[in-house]
Amino acid sequence: MKLAALFSGGKDSTYAAHLAEKGGHEVSLFACMRPARGDSYMFHAVNIHLTPLVAEAQGKPLASAPSSGEKEKEVEELKRLIEILDVKGVVSGAIASKYQRDRVNQICAELGITHLSPLWGKAPQELLEAEIKSGMEIIMVHVAANGLDKSWLGRRIDIKAAAELAKLAERYGINVCGEGGEYESLVVDAPWFRKRLEIEKAEVIWEGTSGTYSVQGAHLAPKVHKG
């Protein structure tokens, strides 16, 4: 099936699109909304300006549109983008957010297309470890939860980090995948990427109990093949 992947450059949307392709579907393009505010109910906002580069790194065209970021209004804005795409379905990286999944389901039902959510209902720790083992190079770019301090910003999410997140989940009740807004991520490379994202300049911005790894300069670089 020819699909558009809802895409932010983060680990879940990247992995969901990859799984859809492994399942035999054709992800013909990525679709990205650019929210005007950071507290969007539907969309990832941190470093969203990098999404064109991360899409290009995978050889995918990107369809994007601005969004108000306002609750419910942003759903209609997403629908307007999807309805102009020549696809039979949409793939999303929703894991446990019924709010997000229901609204994408609603959009797809109204447009007569399919919604695939290959990550839906997966155990968070198992999913995070699967994402890491897939070979994705993931960094944390925003934190907003107990136990996640400034030291996590810009840090690679590897198996060691996943184990630390599991301990924080036991202590504070956070979702290790960041599904509750605890953190946001950026994928800079993966085995299926044609190029990797190289970060030239970034700034750590800390505000009270949350912070952002704000990337101010980046470019695509050839991949170094070991062997």
C-alpha atoms as a PDB file:
ATOM      1  CA  MET A   1       0.000   0.000   0.000  1.00  0.00           C
ATOM      2  CA  LYS A   2       1.234   3.483  -0.844  1.00  0.00           C
ATOM      3  CA  LEU A   3       1.567   5.447   2.404  1.00  0.00           C
ATOM      4  CA  ALA A   4       2.539   8.828   3.772  1.00  0.00           C
ATOM      5  CA  ALA A   5       4.376   8.648   7.085  1.00  0.00           C
ATOM      6  CA  LEU A   6       3.602  11.298   9.678  1.00  0.00           C
ATOM      7  CA  PHE A   7       7.135  12.366  10.438  1.00  0.00           C
ATOM      8  CA  SER A   8       8.954  14.608  12.919  1.00  0.00           C
ATOM      9  CA  GLY A   9      12.525  13.325  12.782  1.00  0.00           C
ATOM     10  CA  GLY A  10      12.084  11.651  16.163  1.00  0.00           C
ATOM     11  CA  LYS A  11      12.609   7.969  16.950  1.00  0.00           C
ATOM     12  CA  ASP A  12       8.986   6.797  16.936  1.00  0.00           C
ATOM     13  CA  SER A  13       7.928   8.308  13.613  1.00  0.00           C
ATOM     14  CA  THR A  14      11.193   7.155  12.028  1.00  0.00           C
ATOM     15  CA  TYR A  15      10.843   3.607  13.350  1.00  0.00           C
ATOM     16  CA  ALA A  16       7.141   3.353  12.464  1.00  0.00           C
ATOM     17  CA  ALA A  17       7.878   4.300   8.842  1.00  0.00           C
ATOM     18  CA  HIS A  18      10.690   1.738   8.760  1.00  0.00           C
ATOM     19  CA  LEU A  19       8.424  -1.015  10.097  1.00  0.00           C
ATOM     20  CA  ALA A  20       5.757  -0.146   7.526  1.00  0.00           C
ATOM     21  CA  GLU A  21       8.300  -0.602   4.746  1.00  0.00           C
ATOM     22  CA  LYS A  22       9.584  -3.839   6.262  1.00  0.00           C
ATOM     23  CA  GLY A  23       5.951  -4.985   6.225  1.00  0.00           C
ATOM     24  CA  GLY A  24       5.812  -4.573   2.462  1.00  0.00           C
ATOM     25  CA  HIS A  25       4.240  -1.120   2.191  1.00  0.00           C
ATOM     26  CA  GLU A  26       5.564   1.723   0.076  1.00  0.00           C
ATOM     27  CA  VAL A  27       6.223   4.844   2.151  1.00  0.00           C
ATOM     28  CA  SER A  28       6.284   7.257  -0.763  1.00  0.00           C
ATOM     29  CA  LEU A  29       6.746  10.419   1.285  1.00  0.00           C
ATOM     30  CA  PHE A  30       6.898  11.909   4.750  1.00  0.00           C
ATOM     31  CA  ALA A  31       4.341  14.428   6.025  1.00  0.00           C
ATOM     32  CA  CYS A  32       5.249  16.961   8.686  1.00  0.00           C
ATOM     33  CA  MET A  33       3.303  19.630  10.538  1.00  0.00           C
ATOM     34  CA  ARG A  34       5.203  22.621  11.922  1.00  0.00           C
ATOM     35  CA  PRO A  35       3.389  23.796  15.067  1.00  0.00           C
ATOM     36  CA  ALA A  36       3.612  27.448  16.028  1.00  0.00           C
ATOM     37  CA  ARG A  37       3.710  26.549  19.718  1.00  0.00           C
ATOM     38  CA  GLY A  38       5.621  24.037  21.794  1.00  0.00           C
ATOM     39  CA  ASP A  39       2.623  22.673  23.707  1.00  0.00           C
ATOM     40  CA  SER A  40       0.861  21.113  20.710  1.00  0.00           C
ATOM     41  CA  TYR A  41      -1.316  18.115  21.599  1.00  0.00           C
ATOM     42  CA  MET A  42      -0.565  16.427  18.286  1.00  0.00           C
ATOM     43  CA  PHE A  43       2.824  17.426  16.942  1.00  0.00           C
ATOM     44  CA  HIS A  44       6.508  17.428  17.842  1.00  0.00           C
ATOM     45  CA  ALA A  45       7.950  20.954  17.797  1.00  0.00           C
ATOM     46  CA  VAL A  46      11.564  20.789  19.016  1.00  0.00           C
ATOM     47  CA  ASN A  47      14.097  21.136  16.167  1.00  0.00           C
ATOM     48  CA  ILE A  48      11.305  20.667  13.624  1.00  0.00           C
ATOM     49  CA  HIS A  49      13.384  22.780  11.208  1.00  0.00           C
ATOM     50  CA  LEU A  50      15.667  19.737  10.820  1.00  0.00           C
ATOM     51  CA  THR A  51      12.908  17.499   9.460  1.00  0.00           C
ATOM     52  CA  PRO A  52      13.672  18.279   5.781  1.00  0.00           C
ATOM     53  CA  LEU A  53      17.271  17.169   6.316  1.00  0.00           C
ATOM     54  CA  VAL A  54      16.292  13.960   8.129  1.00  0.00           C
ATOM     55  CA  ALA A  55      13.798  13.160   5.359  1.00  0.00           C
ATOM     56  CA  GLU A  56      16.453  13.820   2.703  1.00  0.00           C
ATOM     57  CA  ALA A  57      18.860  11.569   4.595  1.00  0.00           C
ATOM     58  CA  GLN A  58      16.391   8.738   3.955  1.00  0.00           C
ATOM     59  CA  GLY A  59      15.747   9.670   0.339  1.00  0.00           C
ATOM     60  CA  LYS A  60      12.144  10.655   1.037  1.00  0.00           C
ATOM     61  CA  PRO A  61      10.285  13.704  -0.287  1.00  0.00           C
ATOM     62  CA  LEU A  62       8.688  15.791   2.448  1.00  0.00           C
ATOM     63  CA  ALA A  63       5.266  17.436   2.397  1.00  0.00           C
ATOM     64  CA  SER A  64       4.906  19.949   5.204  1.00  0.00           C
ATOM     65  CA  ALA A  65       2.556  22.650   6.398  1.00  0.00           C
ATOM     66  CA  PRO A  66       2.395  25.143   9.253  1.00  0.00           C
ATOM     67  CA  SER A  67       0.053  24.485  12.153  1.00  0.00           C
ATOM     68  CA  SER A  68      -1.448  26.779  14.752  1.00  0.00           C
ATOM     69  CA  GLY A  69      -0.683  24.167  17.416  1.00  0.00           C
ATOM     70  CA  GLU A  70      -4.130  24.847  18.866  1.00  0.00           C
ATOM     71  CA  LYS A  71      -6.062  21.870  20.225  1.00  0.00           C
ATOM     72  CA  GLU A  72      -8.498  20.388  17.649  1.00  0.00           C
ATOM     73  CA  LYS A  73      -7.816  23.157  15.134  1.00  0.00           C
ATOM     74  CA  GLU A  74      -4.483  21.464  14.412  1.00  0.00           C
ATOM     75  CA  VAL A  75      -6.343  18.248  13.554  1.00  0.00           C
ATOM     76  CA  GLU A  76      -8.169  20.009  10.721  1.00  0.00           C
ATOM     77  CA  GLU A  77      -4.862  21.486   9.578  1.00  0.00           C
ATOM     78  CA  LEU A  78      -3.372  17.989   9.373  1.00  0.00           C
ATOM     79  CA  LYS A  79      -6.398  16.766   7.427  1.00  0.00           C
ATOM     80  CA  ARG A  80      -5.915  19.529   4.856  1.00  0.00           C
ATOM     81  CA  LEU A  81      -2.339  18.372   4.297  1.00  0.00           C
ATOM     82  CA  ILE A  82      -3.160  14.661   4.059  1.00  0.00           C
ATOM     83  CA  GLU A  83      -6.071  15.134   1.659  1.00  0.00           C
ATOM     84  CA  ILE A  84      -3.819  16.587  -1.042  1.00  0.00           C
ATOM     85  CA  LEU A  85      -1.398  13.652  -0.896  1.00  0.00           C
ATOM     86  CA  ASP A  86      -1.710  10.823  -3.408  1.00  0.00           C
ATOM     87  CA  VAL A  87      -1.668   7.951  -0.902  1.00  0.00           C
ATOM     88  CA  LYS A  88      -3.891   5.100   0.240  1.00  0.00           C
ATOM     89  CA  GLY A  89      -2.992   5.421   3.893  1.00  0.00           C
ATOM     90  CA  VAL A  90      -1.021   7.060   6.665  1.00  0.00           C
ATOM     91  CA  VAL A  91       1.459   5.545   9.103  1.00  0.00           C
ATOM     92  CA  SER A  92       1.956   7.125  12.529  1.00  0.00           C
ATOM     93  CA  GLY A  93       4.291   6.504  15.453  1.00  0.00           C
ATOM     94  CA  ALA A  94       1.581   6.557  18.135  1.00  0.00           C
ATOM     95  CA  ILE A  95       2.344   4.157  21.001  1.00  0.00           C
ATOM     96  CA  ALA A  96      -0.213   4.794  23.727  1.00  0.00           C
ATOM     97  CA  SER A  97      -1.733   8.232  23.100  1.00  0.00           C
ATOM     98  CA  LYS A  98      -5.385   7.503  22.438  1.00  0.00           C
ATOM     99  CA  TYR A  99      -5.917  11.219  21.798  1.00  0.00           C
ATOM    100  CA  GLN A 100      -3.494  11.260  18.871  1.00  0.00           C
ATOM    101  CA  ARG A 101      -4.433   7.862  17.456  1.00  0.00           C
ATOM    102  CA  ASP A 102      -8.177   8.579  17.570  1.00  0.00           C
ATOM    103  CA  ARG A 103      -7.752  11.829  15.684  1.00  0.00           C
ATOM    104  CA  VAL A 104      -5.610  10.318  12.954  1.00  0.00           C
ATOM    105  CA  ASN A 105      -8.158   7.483  12.727  1.00  0.00           C
ATOM    106  CA  GLN A 106     -10.892  10.094  12.337  1.00  0.00           C
ATOM    107  CA  ILE A 107      -9.031  11.950   9.584  1.00  0.00           C
ATOM    108  CA  CYS A 108      -8.346   8.732   7.680  1.00  0.00           C
ATOM    109  CA  ALA A 109     -11.958   7.567   8.007  1.00  0.00           C
ATOM    110  CA  GLU A 110     -13.202  10.886   6.630  1.00  0.00           C
ATOM    111  CA  LEU A 111     -10.768  10.668   3.697  1.00  0.00           C
ATOM    112  CA  GLY A 112     -11.429   6.977   3.044  1.00  0.00           C
ATOM    113  CA  ILE A 113      -7.830   5.892   3.619  1.00  0.00           C
ATOM    114  CA  THR A 114      -6.100   3.543   6.065  1.00  0.00           C
ATOM    115  CA  HIS A 115      -4.241   4.414   9.271  1.00  0.00           C
ATOM    116  CA  LEU A 116      -1.388   2.100  10.248  1.00  0.00           C
ATOM    117  CA  SER A 117       0.140   2.442  13.711  1.00  0.00           C
ATOM    118  CA  PRO A 118       2.755  -0.327  13.983  1.00  0.00           C
ATOM    119  CA  LEU A 119       3.997   0.784  17.411  1.00  0.00           C
ATOM    120  CA  TRP A 120       0.550   0.890  19.012  1.00  0.00           C
ATOM    121  CA  GLY A 121       0.217  -0.990  22.283  1.00  0.00           C
ATOM    122  CA  LYS A 122       3.819  -2.185  22.432  1.00  0.00           C
ATOM    123  CA  ALA A 123       5.467  -2.448  25.870  1.00  0.00           C
ATOM    124  CA  PRO A 124       7.506   0.770  26.229  1.00  0.00           C
ATOM    125  CA  GLN A 125      10.757  -0.804  27.426  1.00  0.00           C
ATOM    126  CA  GLU A 126      10.674  -3.508  24.762  1.00  0.00           C
ATOM    127  CA  LEU A 127       9.899  -0.936  22.080  1.00  0.00           C
ATOM    128  CA  LEU A 128      12.689   1.423  23.132  1.00  0.00           C
ATOM    129  CA  GLU A 129      15.194  -1.434  23.120  1.00  0.00           C
ATOM    130  CA  ALA A 130      13.955  -2.572  19.692  1.00  0.00           C
ATOM    131  CA  GLU A 131      14.395   0.957  18.349  1.00  0.00           C
ATOM    132  CA  ILE A 132      17.960   1.048  19.664  1.00  0.00           C
ATOM    133  CA  LYS A 133      18.767  -2.433  18.345  1.00  0.00           C
ATOM    134  CA  SER A 134      17.466  -1.428  14.904  1.00  0.00           C
ATOM    135  CA  GLY A 135      20.640   0.632  14.623  1.00  0.00           C
ATOM    136  CA  MET A 136      19.050   4.060  14.880  1.00  0.00           C
ATOM    137  CA  GLU A 137      21.345   6.664  16.402  1.00  0.00           C
ATOM    138  CA  ILE A 138      18.970   8.596  18.643  1.00  0.00           C
ATOM    139  CA  ILE A 139      19.715  11.680  20.717  1.00  0.00           C
ATOM    140  CA  MET A 140      17.538  13.330  23.340  1.00  0.00           C
ATOM    141  CA  VAL A 141      16.631  16.899  22.411  1.00  0.00           C
ATOM    142  CA  HIS A 142      14.067  17.900  25.031  1.00  0.00           C
ATOM    143  CA  VAL A 143      13.338  16.845  28.615  1.00  0.00           C
ATOM    144  CA  ALA A 144      10.425  17.690  30.889  1.00  0.00           C
ATOM    145  CA  ALA A 145      10.126  15.083  33.658  1.00  0.00           C
ATOM    146  CA  ASN A 146      11.431  14.206  37.098  1.00  0.00           C
ATOM    147  CA  GLY A 147      14.819  12.541  36.881  1.00  0.00           C
ATOM    148  CA  LEU A 148      15.648  13.936  33.445  1.00  0.00           C
ATOM    149  CA  ASP A 149      18.126  16.741  34.035  1.00  0.00           C
ATOM    150  CA  LYS A 150      20.384  18.845  31.840  1.00  0.00           C
ATOM    151  CA  SER A 151      22.871  15.992  31.438  1.00  0.00           C
ATOM    152  CA  TRP A 152      20.393  14.129  29.211  1.00  0.00           C
ATOM    153  CA  LEU A 153      20.240  16.873  26.594  1.00  0.00           C
ATOM    154  CA  GLY A 154      22.178  15.884  23.495  1.00  0.00           C
ATOM    155  CA  ARG A 155      22.868  12.444  24.964  1.00  0.00           C
ATOM    156  CA  ARG A 156      22.639   9.354  22.798  1.00  0.00           C
ATOM    157  CA  ILE A 157      19.829   6.995  23.767  1.00  0.00           C
ATOM    158  CA  ASP A 158      21.612   3.639  23.801  1.00  0.00           C
ATOM    159  CA  ILE A 159      21.070   0.454  25.783  1.00  0.00           C
ATOM    160  CA  LYS A 160      22.751   1.955  28.858  1.00  0.00           C
ATOM    161  CA  ALA A 161      20.471   4.988  28.669  1.00  0.00           C
ATOM    162  CA  ALA A 162      17.439   2.691  28.227  1.00  0.00           C
ATOM    163  CA  ALA A 163      18.353   0.893  31.461  1.00  0.00           C
ATOM    164  CA  GLU A 164      18.628   4.227  33.284  1.00  0.00           C
ATOM    165  CA  LEU A 165      15.254   5.288  31.891  1.00  0.00           C
ATOM    166  CA  ALA A 166      13.766   2.024  33.204  1.00  0.00           C
ATOM    167  CA  LYS A 167      14.975   2.916  36.707  1.00  0.00           C
ATOM    168  CA  LEU A 168      13.516   6.406  36.383  1.00  0.00           C
ATOM    169  CA  ALA A 169      10.233   4.855  35.278  1.00  0.00           C
ATOM    170  CA  GLU A 170      10.146   2.764  38.451  1.00  0.00           C
ATOM    171  CA  ARG A 171      10.981   5.750  40.630  1.00  0.00           C
ATOM    172  CA  TYR A 172       8.938   8.508  38.997  1.00  0.00           C
ATOM    173  CA  GLY A 173       6.437   6.709  36.765  1.00  0.00           C
ATOM    174  CA  ILE A 174       7.686   8.199  33.513  1.00  0.00           C
ATOM    175  CA  ASN A 175       7.130   6.541  30.154  1.00  0.00           C
ATOM    176  CA  VAL A 176      10.519   5.299  28.929  1.00  0.00           C
ATOM    177  CA  CYS A 177       9.561   6.073  25.327  1.00  0.00           C
ATOM    178  CA  GLY A 178       8.673   9.665  26.200  1.00  0.00           C
ATOM    179  CA  GLU A 179       5.088   9.128  25.079  1.00  0.00           C
ATOM    180  CA  GLY A 180       3.778  11.331  27.886  1.00  0.00           C
ATOM    181  CA  GLY A 181       5.932  14.274  26.840  1.00  0.00           C
ATOM    182  CA  GLU A 182       8.770  13.328  29.195  1.00  0.00           C
ATOM    183  CA  TYR A 183      11.279  13.794  26.410  1.00  0.00           C
ATOM    184  CA  GLU A 184      11.656  14.253  22.661  1.00  0.00           C
ATOM    185  CA  SER A 185      14.250  12.740  20.382  1.00  0.00           C
ATOM    186  CA  LEU A 186      16.051  13.190  17.086  1.00  0.00           C
ATOM    187  CA  VAL A 187      17.384  10.426  14.833  1.00  0.00           C
ATOM    188  CA  VAL A 188      20.676  11.388  13.201  1.00  0.00           C
ATOM    189  CA  ASP A 189      21.451   8.071  11.497  1.00  0.00           C
ATOM    190  CA  ALA A 190      20.149   4.535  10.903  1.00  0.00           C
ATOM    191  CA  PRO A 191      21.167   1.591   8.702  1.00  0.00           C
ATOM    192  CA  TRP A 192      18.536   2.577   6.113  1.00  0.00           C
ATOM    193  CA  PHE A 193      19.650   6.228   5.970  1.00  0.00           C
ATOM    194  CA  ARG A 194      21.531   7.191   2.820  1.00  0.00           C
ATOM    195  CA  LYS A 195      23.352   9.991   4.645  1.00  0.00           C
ATOM    196  CA  ARG A 196      23.758  10.912   8.285  1.00  0.00           C
ATOM    197  CA  LEU A 197      22.869  14.159  10.016  1.00  0.00           C
ATOM    198  CA  GLU A 198      25.908  15.937  11.412  1.00  0.00           C
ATOM    199  CA  ILE A 199      25.223  18.559  14.060  1.00  0.00           C
ATOM    200  CA  GLU A 200      27.511  21.567  13.711  1.00  0.00           C
ATOM    201  CA  LYS A 201      26.220  23.774  16.492  1.00  0.00           C
ATOM    202  CA  ALA A 202      23.749  23.288  19.320  1.00  0.00           C
ATOM    203  CA  GLU A 203      22.816  25.091  22.505  1.00  0.00           C
ATOM    204  CA  VAL A 204      21.467  23.651  25.745  1.00  0.00           C
ATOM    205  CA  ILE A 205      18.615  25.831  26.995  1.00  0.00           C
ATOM    206  CA  TRP A 206      17.377  25.107  30.528  1.00  0.00           C
ATOM    207  CA  GLU A 207      14.234  26.698  31.953  1.00  0.00           C
ATOM    208  CA  GLY A 208      13.319  25.675  35.497  1.00  0.00           C
ATOM    209  CA  THR A 209      12.413  21.989  35.248  1.00  0.00           C
ATOM    210  CA  SER A 210      12.711  21.433  31.498  1.00  0.00           C
ATOM    211  CA  GLY A 211      15.252  21.961  28.800  1.00  0.00           C
ATOM    212  CA  THR A 212      16.007  21.756  25.098  1.00  0.00           C
ATOM    213  CA  TYR A 213      18.986  20.788  22.986  1.00  0.00           C
ATOM    214  CA  SER A 214      18.473  23.432  20.336  1.00  0.00           C
ATOM    215  CA  VAL A 215      20.270  22.605  17.094  1.00  0.00           C
ATOM    216  CA  GLN A 216      21.329  25.783  15.329  1.00  0.00           C
ATOM    217  CA  GLY A 217      23.416  24.266  12.559  1.00  0.00           C
ATOM    218  CA  ALA A 218      23.472  20.871  10.840  1.00  0.00           C
ATOM    219  CA  HIS A 219      24.248  19.276   7.501  1.00  0.00           C
ATOM    220  CA  LEU A 220      24.089  15.897   5.794  1.00  0.00           C
ATOM    221  CA  ALA A 221      27.301  13.932   5.462  1.00  0.00           C
ATOM    222  CA  PRO A 222      28.257  10.754   3.590  1.00  0.00           C
ATOM    223  CA  LYS A 223      28.062   7.595   5.647  1.00  0.00           C
ATOM    224  CA  VAL A 224      31.261   5.863   6.633  1.00  0.00           C
ATOM    225  CA  HIS A 225      30.996   2.173   5.861  1.00  0.00           C
ATOM    226  CA  LYS A 226      33.033   0.004   8.170  1.00  0.00           C
ATOM    227  CA  GLY A 227      34.542  -3.222   7.000  1.00  0.00           C
END
